[in-house]
Each structure stands twice: as C-alpha cells, then as structure tokens.
Amino acid sequence: MPLPRVLTALGVSLLFACTAKVDEPRYAVGDGAVATLRNESGVTVWLGGCNVFGFQKREPTGWVDRGTPVVCFWEGFAQPVGAHELRQDHFQVPEEPGIWRLRYATGLGCAADRPLSAQSCQSVADVVTLAFEVVEPCDAATCGPQLGMPNWLCADGSVGGPTDRCLRDLSSGQCGWEIRSCP
C-alpha cells in the first residue's frame, strides 16, 4: 500500500482518539460555557488558527453549520494540541434556542506555518461534541414556588439538584424549575 494511503488511514483512525465535550447538557440563552477537546492519541493533532470550533444546529434536514464564535479576517496558522493534552475553550452559547453541538475540524501531520486544510495536513476530520440544549429563561413567577429539595454531590465532584433557574422546555414550551442531573 502506498505511504500516503497508509498515513491517511492511520491519521483518520488517530483522530478518533480525540474527544470533545461541553460542560453541561443544557444552557440558557447567552450562558457562558466551556468546551474541552482531549487528544488521547500519542501524536500532535492540529486545530484551526482563528476559530478552533464552529456551532452546528440540529434542523429537520440534519446538522447545519451556524457560524463561529469569532469573526476572522484571516484563518491563521493551525494550532497544535500535543499528545495526551487537553484544550479548554470558553464561549457564549448561541442566542437561539434549539439543539446544538460544536464541531472541531482537526488535522494530523499538518504544517505549522500554514492554515488547517486538506492541502497542508496528511488528513483532516471533524470531532463533534454531544448535543446540548439551549433554552430561554422564564420569569421566576411563571414557575411558581421553588422546589425546596436538596442538592446532592455527583461522583465527578459537581452538584446535582435544583439550580434555581426557571427555564422553558424545548419540546413542550412550558416553563419549569431546572433540576441538574449528574453527568
């Protein structure tokens, strides 16, 4: 098998060793959030220079690209994420309710002095987060009295239980008090 084919096949399989996640399954419009990309492979992977990820919204036809968190005049050089490293990106969730995810374009064997592209990398593939909800906040009076239930400590150290946020449910359109589940 020719070397470029071996490298491409190897590159695509190594990119599957990258995982991306967001810190919560649900956000209110305009919330701050954190995304984490973890390179679990033994080699450096590369991300876009100016925007390392883009937003995708689930529409009836499938996932649709809906822009990036920053407007760039030039993409910039690809950014490395070393072997077994993680990268965290802080961002504002979209202002439009719906089901969203983040899409990281990742490359393997990329040139350090060029933008991320199929021409400057041995292989390029997408890594996406699990879907997350973006919902509208509601006036607390709409939700009625607070739940009065205790919070609990999750196995990962985070806190589950009532968040004291009154949010609109995406499917029913009704407002209710949010209860955070453990991850």
C-alpha atoms as a PDB file:
ATOM      1  CA  MET A   1       0.000   0.000   0.000  1.00  0.00           C
ATOM      2  CA  PRO A   2       1.452   3.451  -0.904  1.00  0.00           C
ATOM      3  CA  LEU A   3       2.737   5.507   2.040  1.00  0.00           C
ATOM      4  CA  PRO A   4       0.204   8.388   1.623  1.00  0.00           C
ATOM      5  CA  ARG A   5      -2.688   5.907   1.865  1.00  0.00           C
ATOM      6  CA  VAL A   6      -1.190   4.331   4.984  1.00  0.00           C
ATOM      7  CA  LEU A   7      -0.723   7.764   6.583  1.00  0.00           C
ATOM      8  CA  THR A   8      -4.249   8.842   5.679  1.00  0.00           C
ATOM      9  CA  ALA A   9      -5.742   5.644   7.066  1.00  0.00           C
ATOM     10  CA  LEU A  10      -3.600   5.967  10.182  1.00  0.00           C
ATOM     11  CA  GLY A  11      -4.462   9.662  10.540  1.00  0.00           C
ATOM     12  CA  VAL A  12      -8.186   9.154  10.376  1.00  0.00           C
ATOM     13  CA  SER A  13      -8.026   6.402  12.984  1.00  0.00           C
ATOM     14  CA  LEU A  14      -5.848   8.570  15.259  1.00  0.00           C
ATOM     15  CA  LEU A  15      -8.314  11.459  15.011  1.00  0.00           C
ATOM     16  CA  PHE A  16     -10.925   9.178  16.527  1.00  0.00           C
ATOM     17  CA  ALA A  17      -8.729   9.271  19.647  1.00  0.00           C
ATOM     18  CA  CYS A  18      -9.775  12.928  20.092  1.00  0.00           C
ATOM     19  CA  THR A  19     -12.900  13.641  22.106  1.00  0.00           C
ATOM     20  CA  ALA A  20     -14.784  16.887  22.578  1.00  0.00           C
ATOM     21  CA  LYS A  21     -17.377  17.737  25.203  1.00  0.00           C
ATOM     22  CA  VAL A  22     -19.170  20.683  26.754  1.00  0.00           C
ATOM     23  CA  ASP A  23     -19.557  21.187  30.499  1.00  0.00           C
ATOM     24  CA  GLU A  24     -23.388  20.984  30.660  1.00  0.00           C
ATOM     25  CA  PRO A  25     -26.190  19.248  28.723  1.00  0.00           C
ATOM     26  CA  ARG A  26     -28.437  22.366  28.892  1.00  0.00           C
ATOM     27  CA  TYR A  27     -27.838  26.114  28.870  1.00  0.00           C
ATOM     28  CA  ALA A  28     -29.988  29.220  28.956  1.00  0.00           C
ATOM     29  CA  VAL A  29     -29.627  31.620  26.026  1.00  0.00           C
ATOM     30  CA  GLY A  30     -26.432  33.665  26.479  1.00  0.00           C
ATOM     31  CA  ASP A  31     -24.888  31.462  29.208  1.00  0.00           C
ATOM     32  CA  GLY A  32     -21.136  31.070  29.380  1.00  0.00           C
ATOM     33  CA  ALA A  33     -19.862  27.557  28.715  1.00  0.00           C
ATOM     34  CA  VAL A  34     -16.656  25.554  28.495  1.00  0.00           C
ATOM     35  CA  ALA A  35     -15.712  23.088  25.771  1.00  0.00           C
ATOM     36  CA  THR A  36     -12.898  20.585  26.238  1.00  0.00           C
ATOM     37  CA  LEU A  37     -11.022  18.855  23.432  1.00  0.00           C
ATOM     38  CA  ARG A  38      -8.901  15.941  24.650  1.00  0.00           C
ATOM     39  CA  ASN A  39      -6.187  14.471  22.440  1.00  0.00           C
ATOM     40  CA  GLU A  40      -5.926  10.908  23.699  1.00  0.00           C
ATOM     41  CA  SER A  41      -3.556   9.852  20.908  1.00  0.00           C
ATOM     42  CA  GLY A  42       0.221   9.664  21.054  1.00  0.00           C
ATOM     43  CA  VAL A  43       0.744  12.319  18.358  1.00  0.00           C
ATOM     44  CA  THR A  44       0.042  16.033  17.915  1.00  0.00           C
ATOM     45  CA  VAL A  45      -3.270  16.998  16.311  1.00  0.00           C
ATOM     46  CA  TRP A  46      -3.990  20.413  14.827  1.00  0.00           C
ATOM     47  CA  LEU A  47      -6.944  22.812  15.062  1.00  0.00           C
ATOM     48  CA  GLY A  48      -7.919  25.890  13.064  1.00  0.00           C
ATOM     49  CA  GLY A  49      -5.934  29.055  13.665  1.00  0.00           C
ATOM     50  CA  CYS A  50      -8.546  31.723  14.408  1.00  0.00           C
ATOM     51  CA  ASN A  51     -11.585  29.598  15.168  1.00  0.00           C
ATOM     52  CA  VAL A  52     -10.909  26.188  16.642  1.00  0.00           C
ATOM     53  CA  PHE A  53     -14.587  25.182  16.536  1.00  0.00           C
ATOM     54  CA  GLY A  54     -17.871  26.144  14.946  1.00  0.00           C
ATOM     55  CA  PHE A  55     -21.516  25.905  16.028  1.00  0.00           C
ATOM     56  CA  GLN A  56     -23.908  23.409  14.438  1.00  0.00           C
ATOM     57  CA  LYS A  57     -27.672  23.430  14.990  1.00  0.00           C
ATOM     58  CA  ARG A  58     -29.918  20.425  14.502  1.00  0.00           C
ATOM     59  CA  GLU A  59     -32.527  21.191  11.858  1.00  0.00           C
ATOM     60  CA  PRO A  60     -35.120  18.828  10.328  1.00  0.00           C
ATOM     61  CA  THR A  61     -32.642  18.146   7.492  1.00  0.00           C
ATOM     62  CA  GLY A  62     -29.723  17.333   9.838  1.00  0.00           C
ATOM     63  CA  TRP A  63     -26.835  19.258  11.406  1.00  0.00           C
ATOM     64  CA  VAL A  64     -26.279  22.689   9.851  1.00  0.00           C
ATOM     65  CA  ASP A  65     -23.188  24.880  10.317  1.00  0.00           C
ATOM     66  CA  ARG A  66     -24.235  28.123  12.044  1.00  0.00           C
ATOM     67  CA  GLY A  67     -21.031  30.105  12.305  1.00  0.00           C
ATOM     68  CA  THR A  68     -18.150  30.504  14.680  1.00  0.00           C
ATOM     69  CA  PRO A  69     -17.709  32.405  17.946  1.00  0.00           C
ATOM     70  CA  VAL A  70     -15.234  34.880  16.386  1.00  0.00           C
ATOM     71  CA  VAL A  71     -15.270  36.737  13.061  1.00  0.00           C
ATOM     72  CA  CYS A  72     -11.865  36.257  11.433  1.00  0.00           C
ATOM     73  CA  PHE A  73     -10.235  38.246   8.654  1.00  0.00           C
ATOM     74  CA  TRP A  74      -7.653  35.506   8.209  1.00  0.00           C
ATOM     75  CA  GLU A  75      -7.781  31.927   9.442  1.00  0.00           C
ATOM     76  CA  GLY A  76      -4.261  31.980  10.897  1.00  0.00           C
ATOM     77  CA  PHE A  77      -1.844  29.108  11.298  1.00  0.00           C
ATOM     78  CA  ALA A  78      -3.034  25.734  12.572  1.00  0.00           C
ATOM     79  CA  GLN A  79      -2.765  25.358  16.363  1.00  0.00           C
ATOM     80  CA  PRO A  80      -1.201  22.217  17.865  1.00  0.00           C
ATOM     81  CA  VAL A  81      -2.696  20.105  20.643  1.00  0.00           C
ATOM     82  CA  GLY A  82       0.082  17.815  21.846  1.00  0.00           C
ATOM     83  CA  ALA A  83      -0.178  14.118  22.522  1.00  0.00           C
ATOM     84  CA  HIS A  84      -2.327  13.374  25.589  1.00  0.00           C
ATOM     85  CA  GLU A  85      -3.090  17.079  26.108  1.00  0.00           C
ATOM     86  CA  LEU A  86      -6.421  18.790  26.535  1.00  0.00           C
ATOM     87  CA  ARG A  87      -7.563  22.207  25.458  1.00  0.00           C
ATOM     88  CA  GLN A  88     -10.393  24.208  27.020  1.00  0.00           C
ATOM     89  CA  ASP A  89     -12.316  26.928  25.189  1.00  0.00           C
ATOM     90  CA  HIS A  90     -14.718  29.327  26.929  1.00  0.00           C
ATOM     91  CA  PHE A  91     -17.646  30.534  24.809  1.00  0.00           C
ATOM     92  CA  GLN A  92     -21.105  32.101  24.918  1.00  0.00           C
ATOM     93  CA  VAL A  93     -23.889  29.730  23.887  1.00  0.00           C
ATOM     94  CA  PRO A  94     -25.971  30.818  20.893  1.00  0.00           C
ATOM     95  CA  GLU A  95     -28.818  33.291  21.363  1.00  0.00           C
ATOM     96  CA  GLU A  96     -31.251  30.983  19.543  1.00  0.00           C
ATOM     97  CA  PRO A  97     -32.994  28.143  21.424  1.00  0.00           C
ATOM     98  CA  GLY A  98     -32.586  24.662  19.985  1.00  0.00           C
ATOM     99  CA  ILE A  99     -30.346  21.605  19.921  1.00  0.00           C
ATOM    100  CA  TRP A 100     -26.708  22.484  19.252  1.00  0.00           C
ATOM    101  CA  ARG A 101     -23.243  20.939  19.152  1.00  0.00           C
ATOM    102  CA  LEU A 102     -19.692  22.103  18.490  1.00  0.00           C
ATOM    103  CA  ARG A 103     -17.649  20.904  15.519  1.00  0.00           C
ATOM    104  CA  TYR A 104     -13.841  20.922  15.710  1.00  0.00           C
ATOM    105  CA  ALA A 105     -12.003  20.491  12.390  1.00  0.00           C
ATOM    106  CA  THR A 106      -8.898  18.535  13.357  1.00  0.00           C
ATOM    107  CA  GLY A 107      -5.840  17.646  11.328  1.00  0.00           C
ATOM    108  CA  LEU A 108      -2.974  15.196  11.556  1.00  0.00           C
ATOM    109  CA  GLY A 109       0.502  15.761  10.126  1.00  0.00           C
ATOM    110  CA  CYS A 110      -0.165  19.448   9.461  1.00  0.00           C
ATOM    111  CA  ALA A 111       2.359  22.140   8.533  1.00  0.00           C
ATOM    112  CA  ALA A 112       2.918  24.504  11.486  1.00  0.00           C
ATOM    113  CA  ASP A 113       3.260  27.536   9.201  1.00  0.00           C
ATOM    114  CA  ARG A 114       0.006  27.088   7.236  1.00  0.00           C
ATOM    115  CA  PRO A 115      -3.743  27.223   7.933  1.00  0.00           C
ATOM    116  CA  LEU A 116      -5.520  23.954   8.711  1.00  0.00           C
ATOM    117  CA  SER A 117      -6.555  22.411   5.381  1.00  0.00           C
ATOM    118  CA  ALA A 118      -6.512  19.170   3.429  1.00  0.00           C
ATOM    119  CA  GLN A 119      -3.584  20.616   1.403  1.00  0.00           C
ATOM    120  CA  SER A 120      -1.393  21.317   4.469  1.00  0.00           C
ATOM    121  CA  CYS A 121      -2.282  18.189   6.509  1.00  0.00           C
ATOM    122  CA  GLN A 122      -1.975  14.463   5.902  1.00  0.00           C
ATOM    123  CA  SER A 123      -5.627  14.080   6.924  1.00  0.00           C
ATOM    124  CA  VAL A 124      -8.453  16.239   8.259  1.00  0.00           C
ATOM    125  CA  ALA A 125     -11.565  15.041  10.093  1.00  0.00           C
ATOM    126  CA  ASP A 126     -14.296  16.521  12.291  1.00  0.00           C
ATOM    127  CA  VAL A 127     -14.649  15.863  16.010  1.00  0.00           C
ATOM    128  CA  VAL A 128     -18.025  16.884  17.479  1.00  0.00           C
ATOM    129  CA  THR A 129     -19.430  17.252  20.978  1.00  0.00           C
ATOM    130  CA  LEU A 130     -22.581  15.549  22.132  1.00  0.00           C
ATOM    131  CA  ALA A 131     -25.668  17.647  21.505  1.00  0.00           C
ATOM    132  CA  PHE A 132     -26.712  20.224  24.102  1.00  0.00           C
ATOM    133  CA  GLU A 133     -29.911  22.225  24.568  1.00  0.00           C
ATOM    134  CA  VAL A 134     -30.132  25.999  24.510  1.00  0.00           C
ATOM    135  CA  VAL A 135     -33.377  27.179  26.126  1.00  0.00           C
ATOM    136  CA  GLU A 136     -34.976  30.505  27.003  1.00  0.00           C
ATOM    137  CA  PRO A 137     -35.089  31.675  30.609  1.00  0.00           C
ATOM    138  CA  CYS A 138     -38.553  32.340  32.054  1.00  0.00           C
ATOM    139  CA  ASP A 139     -39.705  34.785  34.702  1.00  0.00           C
ATOM    140  CA  ALA A 140     -39.478  33.032  38.091  1.00  0.00           C
ATOM    141  CA  ALA A 141     -43.142  33.836  38.795  1.00  0.00           C
ATOM    142  CA  THR A 142     -44.079  31.631  35.810  1.00  0.00           C
ATOM    143  CA  CYS A 143     -42.519  28.592  37.508  1.00  0.00           C
ATOM    144  CA  GLY A 144     -44.281  29.092  40.833  1.00  0.00           C
ATOM    145  CA  PRO A 145     -42.689  28.363  44.202  1.00  0.00           C
ATOM    146  CA  GLN A 146     -39.176  26.943  44.199  1.00  0.00           C
ATOM    147  CA  LEU A 147     -38.848  23.193  44.621  1.00  0.00           C
ATOM    148  CA  GLY A 148     -37.437  23.158  48.150  1.00  0.00           C
ATOM    149  CA  MET A 149     -35.492  19.964  47.520  1.00  0.00           C
ATOM    150  CA  PRO A 150     -31.841  19.391  48.493  1.00  0.00           C
ATOM    151  CA  ASN A 151     -28.843  19.284  46.176  1.00  0.00           C
ATOM    152  CA  TRP A 152     -26.508  16.296  46.013  1.00  0.00           C
ATOM    153  CA  LEU A 153     -22.863  15.681  45.245  1.00  0.00           C
ATOM    154  CA  CYS A 154     -22.182  13.837  41.982  1.00  0.00           C
ATOM    155  CA  ALA A 155     -19.427  11.239  41.547  1.00  0.00           C
ATOM    156  CA  ASP A 156     -17.401  13.698  39.416  1.00  0.00           C
ATOM    157  CA  GLY A 157     -17.493  16.348  42.168  1.00  0.00           C
ATOM    158  CA  SER A 158     -20.154  18.528  40.545  1.00  0.00           C
ATOM    159  CA  VAL A 159     -23.514  19.289  42.188  1.00  0.00           C
ATOM    160  CA  GLY A 160     -26.864  17.872  41.088  1.00  0.00           C
ATOM    161  CA  GLY A 161     -30.338  19.051  42.020  1.00  0.00           C
ATOM    162  CA  PRO A 162     -32.261  22.309  41.712  1.00  0.00           C
ATOM    163  CA  THR A 163     -30.348  25.154  40.034  1.00  0.00           C
ATOM    164  CA  ASP A 164     -32.811  27.945  40.958  1.00  0.00           C
ATOM    165  CA  ARG A 165     -33.253  28.680  37.233  1.00  0.00           C
ATOM    166  CA  CYS A 166     -36.706  28.881  35.657  1.00  0.00           C
ATOM    167  CA  LEU A 167     -36.325  27.675  32.035  1.00  0.00           C
ATOM    168  CA  ARG A 168     -38.594  26.994  29.047  1.00  0.00           C
ATOM    169  CA  ASP A 169     -38.690  23.332  27.942  1.00  0.00           C
ATOM    170  CA  LEU A 170     -37.820  22.978  24.230  1.00  0.00           C
ATOM    171  CA  SER A 171     -40.392  20.305  23.427  1.00  0.00           C
ATOM    172  CA  SER A 172     -43.403  21.429  25.476  1.00  0.00           C
ATOM    173  CA  GLY A 173     -42.745  25.175  25.542  1.00  0.00           C
ATOM    174  CA  GLN A 174     -43.673  25.256  29.243  1.00  0.00           C
ATOM    175  CA  CYS A 175     -41.579  26.866  31.956  1.00  0.00           C
ATOM    176  CA  GLY A 176     -40.283  24.923  34.939  1.00  0.00           C
ATOM    177  CA  TRP A 177     -37.565  24.823  37.551  1.00  0.00           C
ATOM    178  CA  GLU A 178     -34.356  23.228  36.277  1.00  0.00           C
ATOM    179  CA  ILE A 179     -33.022  20.157  38.069  1.00  0.00           C
ATOM    180  CA  ARG A 180     -29.457  19.306  37.136  1.00  0.00           C
ATOM    181  CA  SER A 181     -28.705  15.584  36.780  1.00  0.00           C
ATOM    182  CA  CYS A 182     -25.296  14.141  37.479  1.00  0.00           C
ATOM    183  CA  PRO A 183     -23.164  13.545  34.387  1.00  0.00           C
END
